[in-house]
Structures are given as C-alpha cells and as structure tokens.
Amino acid sequence: RSAVDTAKSYSANPHFPVIANGGIEYSSDIANCLEYTKADAVMSSEALLENPGLFAPHARDDTQLTPREMVDRQVGFALQYLHLAAVYPPVPGSLGNNGGHNVKFLYRYLNEQTDLRTRMGDHHTMEESWRVVEELQMRYEGMSDEDLGRLPSSSSDYSWYRRHRKPNRNPMHQRDDKRLLGLEESMEDKKARIQARIAGLKLERERKETRTSIL
C-alpha cells in the first residue's frame, strides 16, 4: 500500500489512476488487493495465462472447485482457445505455436500425462493440438472422482501460477533449483530453438525463390 500512496503523492493529478500488480492468483485476491492498497485498479499476468476467466463476474477461486470442476474448466479453456485460433489464425511464419497457450491452461495435467506433453511440444499444427487436448479430456473423463482427487493435479500447488514454488513450503514465491518436471526451456535452449526456426524459414524462402527463378 505504501507504494500506491507514494505513486499518488508524486502525481500532479489527484485522480491519477494507480494500478496494482502482483500476487493476484485467485478472483478473491482482486477485491482484497483493492481494499488493502486502495489502488484504482488491479492487473494480472501469470494467473491469467492459466485462468483467462480470472476477472469474469462471479468467478470462483480454484480452492472452491472440485477436481472434476477444475479439469473441466481448464480443458474448456483449451478447447475454446483452439476454436478461436481456428477462426482467427496466427500470422503465417510466426515463431509462436498454438501449443504454448495450452501448456499453460493444462500445465498440471500435462505434467501427469507426459506423453501428451511431449506431443504438445513436438507438434505445432492445429489438428495435432486438437487431438492432444481431446485425448487428455478423455483420459480424465474416464477416471472416477475419487481417483481424480488423489492425483497431484487436484492440488493448487501444481498449478502454472505456482510452478516455481516448492510444495508445502512458505507461500512466498520461491524458485526451485530444478525446472519443474523439465517442462520449461532454459533461456539458452529457447534462443537456440528460435534461431533454428529463423534459419529454417530463411532456407524455405530461398528454396521457393530458387524454384520460382527456374520456372
């Protein structure tokens, strides 16, 4: 709150809007943050990558959901995203892929279904992403509520938002020395992948130009 008061004190306009950011994991955190900081608005980044419904009216905290409701919600986000990506496809040749968003939606479940996680990372086509999400959906639909509740994915400690925290430790952000289950790339690996992708695109363009000149 002191940071908010400081920001307002340096503003020439007494109505200068101050936006609070950080630590917004659940929908209930929004009202709590506004009450505590007296900020004008709240924003979120990491939590929205996993739960894009965070700011939706009447949204429920993850802790209020049963394991079944949680998996249904997250799979629903993934399917809705794929539908929108099909209607509004990404720019051709862009370095991103549709699996990146789904990894965050389905993070806790892909850590249990490692073969699907590998497929999600290795294949970047819309069709394959659909198949992976639908396969994951079928696997969890085939489980009883009792079996689903015993899985690590039923705990909030295994969410995307908490991926750097050590389970059952201080709730403050703590970076683990090991990247959780090897899902995340190191910065060096990410740079190498992007450079390889750029080189591939350049080679593909040169081949097309060569074929065109021959014709």
Protein backbone atom coordinates (compact mmCIF):
# COMPACT_ATOMS: atom_id res chain seq x y z
CA ARG A 1 0.00 0.00 0.00
CA SER A 2 2.89 2.38 0.68
CA ALA A 3 3.94 2.07 -2.95
CA VAL A 4 0.44 3.10 -4.05
CA ASP A 5 0.43 6.08 -1.66
CA THR A 6 3.87 7.13 -2.93
CA ALA A 7 2.77 6.93 -6.56
CA LYS A 8 -0.29 9.07 -5.84
CA SER A 9 1.73 11.63 -3.90
CA TYR A 10 4.01 12.20 -6.90
CA SER A 11 1.13 12.60 -9.31
CA ALA A 12 0.12 16.16 -10.17
CA ASN A 13 -3.41 14.92 -10.72
CA PRO A 14 -5.08 13.73 -7.51
CA HIS A 15 -7.23 11.44 -9.63
CA PHE A 16 -4.23 9.90 -11.40
CA PRO A 17 -5.10 6.20 -11.67
CA VAL A 18 -2.82 3.75 -9.88
CA ILE A 19 -2.93 0.11 -10.93
CA ALA A 20 -1.82 -2.60 -8.51
CA ASN A 21 0.00 -5.62 -9.92
CA GLY A 22 1.43 -8.77 -8.42
CA GLY A 23 0.18 -11.62 -6.27
CA ILE A 24 -3.21 -11.96 -7.99
CA GLU A 25 -3.76 -15.72 -8.07
CA TYR A 26 -7.49 -16.06 -7.45
CA SER A 27 -10.51 -13.91 -8.19
CA SER A 28 -10.95 -13.17 -4.49
CA ASP A 29 -7.47 -11.59 -4.50
CA ILE A 30 -8.82 -8.76 -6.68
CA ALA A 31 -11.19 -7.34 -4.06
CA ASN A 32 -8.68 -8.00 -1.28
CA CYS A 33 -5.96 -6.14 -3.18
CA LEU A 34 -8.20 -3.15 -3.91
CA GLU A 35 -9.28 -2.97 -0.28
CA TYR A 36 -5.75 -3.20 1.09
CA THR A 37 -3.92 -0.94 -1.37
CA LYS A 38 -6.75 1.50 -2.18
CA ALA A 39 -5.49 1.35 -5.76
CA ASP A 40 -7.81 2.32 -8.61
CA ALA A 41 -7.50 -0.97 -10.47
CA VAL A 42 -5.80 -4.36 -10.41
CA MET A 43 -3.99 -6.19 -13.19
CA SER A 44 -2.71 -9.73 -13.52
CA SER A 45 -0.34 -11.54 -15.85
CA GLU A 46 0.80 -15.04 -14.82
CA ALA A 47 -2.51 -16.16 -13.36
CA LEU A 48 -4.39 -15.08 -16.50
CA LEU A 49 -2.20 -17.34 -18.64
CA GLU A 50 -3.65 -20.33 -16.82
CA ASN A 51 -7.09 -18.97 -15.95
CA PRO A 52 -8.30 -16.39 -18.50
CA GLY A 53 -11.59 -16.27 -16.60
CA LEU A 54 -9.92 -14.70 -13.57
CA PHE A 55 -11.77 -11.38 -13.95
CA ALA A 56 -15.08 -12.87 -15.05
CA PRO A 57 -18.14 -11.91 -12.99
CA HIS A 58 -18.91 -14.48 -10.29
CA ALA A 59 -15.66 -16.34 -10.97
CA ARG A 60 -14.82 -18.94 -8.34
CA ASP A 61 -11.41 -19.48 -6.77
CA ASP A 62 -9.60 -22.70 -7.63
CA THR A 63 -9.87 -23.72 -3.99
CA GLN A 64 -13.67 -23.64 -4.32
CA LEU A 65 -13.70 -26.08 -7.24
CA THR A 66 -13.76 -29.86 -7.08
CA PRO A 67 -11.02 -31.68 -9.04
CA ARG A 68 -13.66 -32.54 -11.66
CA GLU A 69 -14.79 -28.93 -12.00
CA MET A 70 -11.17 -27.85 -12.29
CA VAL A 71 -10.25 -30.21 -15.12
CA ASP A 72 -13.49 -29.41 -16.96
CA ARG A 73 -12.77 -25.69 -16.68
CA GLN A 74 -9.18 -25.94 -17.87
CA VAL A 75 -9.96 -28.27 -20.77
CA GLY A 76 -12.79 -25.90 -21.68
CA PHE A 77 -10.31 -23.02 -21.87
CA ALA A 78 -8.04 -25.07 -24.14
CA LEU A 79 -10.86 -26.08 -26.50
CA GLN A 80 -12.23 -22.55 -26.62
CA TYR A 81 -8.77 -21.21 -27.43
CA LEU A 82 -8.32 -23.71 -30.27
CA HIS A 83 -11.70 -22.74 -31.67
CA LEU A 84 -10.78 -19.04 -31.63
CA ALA A 85 -7.34 -19.79 -33.12
CA ALA A 86 -9.05 -21.60 -35.99
CA VAL A 87 -11.33 -18.62 -36.63
CA TYR A 88 -8.52 -16.08 -36.17
CA PRO A 89 -5.33 -17.94 -37.16
CA PRO A 90 -1.87 -16.64 -36.23
CA VAL A 91 0.25 -14.78 -38.77
CA PRO A 92 1.89 -17.28 -41.19
CA GLY A 93 5.55 -17.82 -40.39
CA SER A 94 5.28 -16.53 -36.82
CA LEU A 95 7.59 -18.19 -34.31
CA GLY A 96 4.84 -18.93 -31.83
CA ASN A 97 2.64 -22.02 -31.83
CA ASN A 98 -0.80 -22.75 -30.51
CA GLY A 99 0.58 -25.29 -28.03
CA GLY A 100 2.17 -22.58 -25.89
CA HIS A 101 -1.13 -21.32 -24.51
CA ASN A 102 -2.49 -24.81 -24.00
CA VAL A 103 0.58 -25.81 -22.00
CA LYS A 104 -0.35 -23.11 -19.51
CA PHE A 105 -4.07 -23.97 -19.47
CA LEU A 106 -3.30 -27.66 -18.98
CA TYR A 107 0.00 -27.41 -17.11
CA ARG A 108 -0.94 -29.51 -14.08
CA TYR A 109 -2.44 -32.25 -16.26
CA LEU A 110 0.33 -32.39 -18.86
CA ASN A 111 2.78 -32.94 -16.03
CA GLU A 112 0.87 -36.16 -15.31
CA GLN A 113 0.32 -37.12 -18.94
CA THR A 114 3.91 -36.72 -20.09
CA ASP A 115 3.37 -38.41 -23.47
CA LEU A 116 0.75 -35.78 -24.32
CA ARG A 117 3.06 -33.05 -23.07
CA THR A 118 5.74 -34.29 -25.48
CA ARG A 119 3.28 -34.36 -28.36
CA MET A 120 2.11 -30.86 -27.49
CA GLY A 121 5.68 -29.61 -27.62
CA ASP A 122 6.79 -31.52 -30.72
CA HIS A 123 3.84 -30.76 -33.00
CA HIS A 124 2.66 -27.28 -33.84
CA THR A 125 -0.31 -27.95 -36.11
CA MET A 126 -3.83 -27.07 -35.08
CA GLU A 127 -5.01 -30.59 -35.84
CA GLU A 128 -2.47 -32.18 -33.53
CA SER A 129 -3.29 -29.74 -30.74
CA TRP A 130 -6.96 -30.67 -31.04
CA ARG A 131 -6.06 -34.37 -30.83
CA VAL A 132 -3.87 -33.88 -27.77
CA VAL A 133 -6.48 -31.86 -25.88
CA GLU A 134 -9.28 -34.29 -26.75
CA GLU A 135 -7.13 -37.26 -25.71
CA LEU A 136 -6.35 -35.60 -22.39
CA GLN A 137 -10.03 -34.84 -21.89
CA MET A 138 -10.96 -38.49 -22.47
CA ARG A 139 -8.35 -39.75 -20.03
CA TYR A 140 -9.64 -37.65 -17.17
CA GLU A 141 -13.28 -38.26 -18.05
CA GLY A 142 -12.54 -41.97 -17.65
CA MET A 143 -11.41 -41.50 -14.05
CA SER A 144 -13.67 -41.64 -11.05
CA ASP A 145 -13.98 -38.53 -8.90
CA GLU A 146 -12.19 -40.41 -6.12
CA ASP A 147 -9.20 -41.31 -8.33
CA LEU A 148 -9.08 -37.80 -9.77
CA GLY A 149 -8.95 -36.31 -6.28
CA ARG A 150 -5.89 -38.37 -5.41
CA LEU A 151 -3.81 -37.01 -8.27
CA PRO A 152 -1.27 -34.20 -7.74
CA SER A 153 -3.17 -32.10 -10.30
CA SER A 154 -6.01 -31.72 -7.79
CA SER A 155 -3.74 -29.58 -5.58
CA SER A 156 -3.22 -25.87 -6.17
CA ASP A 157 0.49 -26.44 -5.53
CA TYR A 158 0.78 -27.90 -9.03
CA SER A 159 -0.73 -25.02 -10.96
CA TRP A 160 1.10 -22.96 -13.58
CA TYR A 161 0.98 -19.95 -11.27
CA ARG A 162 2.80 -21.85 -8.52
CA ARG A 163 5.23 -23.72 -10.74
CA HIS A 164 8.30 -22.11 -9.14
CA ARG A 165 7.17 -22.68 -5.58
CA LYS A 166 8.22 -25.63 -3.50
CA PRO A 167 5.08 -27.52 -2.38
CA ASN A 168 4.23 -27.36 1.31
CA ARG A 169 6.66 -24.52 1.92
CA ASN A 170 6.36 -20.80 2.59
CA PRO A 171 3.69 -19.42 0.20
CA MET A 172 6.00 -16.62 -0.93
CA HIS A 173 7.47 -17.12 -4.40
CA GLN A 174 10.48 -19.41 -4.25
CA ARG A 175 12.39 -20.51 -7.33
CA ASP A 176 13.14 -24.21 -7.31
CA ASP A 177 16.66 -25.17 -8.31
CA LYS A 178 15.32 -27.67 -10.82
CA ARG A 179 12.89 -26.72 -13.55
CA LEU A 180 9.61 -28.39 -12.65
CA LEU A 181 9.43 -31.74 -14.45
CA GLY A 182 11.61 -30.39 -17.25
CA LEU A 183 8.73 -28.64 -18.97
CA GLU A 184 10.27 -25.18 -19.18
CA GLU A 185 13.09 -24.32 -21.53
CA SER A 186 16.25 -22.63 -20.40
CA MET A 187 16.96 -19.25 -21.98
CA GLU A 188 19.80 -20.81 -23.98
CA ASP A 189 17.55 -23.58 -25.32
CA LYS A 190 14.85 -21.06 -26.20
CA LYS A 191 17.33 -18.88 -28.11
CA ALA A 192 18.68 -21.92 -29.96
CA ARG A 193 15.16 -23.04 -30.90
CA ILE A 194 14.22 -19.58 -32.19
CA GLN A 195 17.46 -19.28 -34.16
CA ALA A 196 16.89 -22.70 -35.71
CA ARG A 197 13.34 -21.71 -36.60
CA ILE A 198 14.53 -18.47 -38.24
CA ALA A 199 17.20 -20.36 -40.18
CA GLY A 200 14.58 -22.85 -41.36
CA LEU A 201 12.27 -20.09 -42.54
CA LYS A 202 15.10 -18.40 -44.43
CA LEU A 203 16.08 -21.68 -46.09
CA GLU A 204 12.49 -22.38 -47.06
CA ARG A 205 12.18 -18.90 -48.59
CA GLU A 206 15.42 -19.33 -50.55
CA ARG A 207 14.22 -22.66 -51.93
CA LYS A 208 10.96 -21.08 -53.06
CA GLU A 209 12.82 -18.22 -54.73
CA THR A 210 15.09 -20.72 -56.49
CA ARG A 211 12.15 -22.74 -57.79
CA THR A 212 10.46 -19.58 -58.97
CA SER A 213 13.56 -18.41 -60.87
CA ILE A 214 13.90 -21.81 -62.56
CA LEU A 215 10.30 -21.70 -63.74
